[in-house]
Amino acid sequence: MPVAPRHDALLTSLDALSPREREIAEMVARGLSNKTVAIHLGISHWTVSTHLRRVFAKLDINGRIELCRLVLTCGQQAHG
């Protein structure tokens, strides 16, 4: 079954993220707070916030909920 064009576009968008942005996006999608992500990665929570703002801009989304949906949907498409 072919992947819907929207999902193709989303997968391409996720591919546009830097490795660090993608790592942070995936951690946020698992429900981790900025502070927890920062502790795991050994960076400040301000740096996590900066990365998230860049991720939101690149993916043309407005918040964490949209990011979670996108990461989870793309993960399912890539694995299923």
Protein backbone atom coordinates (compact mmCIF):
# COMPACT_ATOMS: atom_id res chain seq x y z
CA MET A 1 0.00 0.00 0.00
CA PRO A 2 1.52 3.37 -0.98
CA VAL A 3 2.25 5.96 1.68
CA ALA A 4 -0.02 9.01 1.58
CA PRO A 5 1.67 12.11 0.16
CA ARG A 6 1.32 13.93 3.49
CA HIS A 7 3.32 11.19 5.22
CA ASP A 8 5.98 11.33 2.50
CA ALA A 9 6.27 15.06 3.12
CA LEU A 10 6.49 14.53 6.88
CA LEU A 11 9.19 11.89 6.54
CA THR A 12 11.12 14.25 4.30
CA SER A 13 10.67 17.02 6.86
CA LEU A 14 12.04 14.87 9.67
CA ASP A 15 15.00 14.04 7.46
CA ALA A 16 15.69 17.79 7.26
CA LEU A 17 16.39 17.89 11.01
CA SER A 18 19.94 17.76 12.28
CA PRO A 19 20.86 14.63 14.23
CA ARG A 20 20.63 16.57 17.53
CA GLU A 21 17.26 18.11 16.59
CA ARG A 22 15.90 14.69 15.69
CA GLU A 23 17.24 13.21 18.94
CA ILE A 24 15.54 15.94 20.96
CA ALA A 25 12.32 15.64 18.95
CA GLU A 26 12.18 11.91 19.64
CA MET A 27 12.82 12.43 23.37
CA VAL A 28 10.08 15.06 23.55
CA ALA A 29 7.73 12.72 21.67
CA ARG A 30 8.36 10.12 24.39
CA GLY A 31 7.03 12.66 26.89
CA LEU A 32 10.25 13.99 28.39
CA SER A 33 10.37 17.59 29.61
CA ASN A 34 12.97 20.06 28.37
CA LYS A 35 14.73 19.79 31.72
CA THR A 36 14.85 15.99 31.56
CA VAL A 37 16.10 16.04 27.96
CA ALA A 38 18.78 18.52 29.00
CA ILE A 39 19.94 16.32 31.86
CA HIS A 40 20.10 13.21 29.60
CA LEU A 41 22.09 15.06 26.95
CA GLY A 42 24.29 17.10 29.27
CA ILE A 43 23.13 20.45 27.89
CA SER A 44 21.11 23.32 29.34
CA HIS A 45 17.33 23.40 29.15
CA TRP A 46 17.72 26.70 27.25
CA THR A 47 19.65 24.84 24.55
CA VAL A 48 16.87 22.26 24.37
CA SER A 49 14.34 25.09 23.96
CA THR A 50 16.44 26.60 21.16
CA HIS A 51 16.60 23.26 19.34
CA LEU A 52 12.84 22.81 19.72
CA ARG A 53 12.12 26.26 18.30
CA ARG A 54 14.24 25.35 15.27
CA VAL A 55 12.47 22.00 14.93
CA PHE A 56 9.05 23.69 15.09
CA ALA A 57 10.13 26.18 12.41
CA LYS A 58 11.57 23.51 10.10
CA LEU A 59 8.50 21.32 10.43
CA ASP A 60 6.07 24.26 10.30
CA ILE A 61 4.37 23.20 13.52
CA ASN A 62 3.38 25.14 16.63
CA GLY A 63 4.02 22.94 19.62
CA ARG A 64 4.89 19.74 21.38
CA ILE A 65 1.61 17.97 20.69
CA GLU A 66 2.01 18.42 16.94
CA LEU A 67 5.62 17.30 17.25
CA CYS A 68 4.56 14.15 19.13
CA ARG A 69 1.96 13.30 16.49
CA LEU A 70 4.45 13.86 13.70
CA VAL A 71 7.25 11.79 15.24
CA LEU A 72 4.89 8.96 16.17
CA THR A 73 3.22 8.94 12.76
CA CYS A 74 6.53 8.98 10.92
CA GLY A 75 7.90 6.26 13.18
CA GLN A 76 4.93 4.05 12.38
CA GLN A 77 5.30 4.74 8.65
CA ALA A 78 9.03 3.98 8.71
CA HIS A 79 8.54 0.72 10.64
CA GLY A 80 5.26 -0.43 9.21
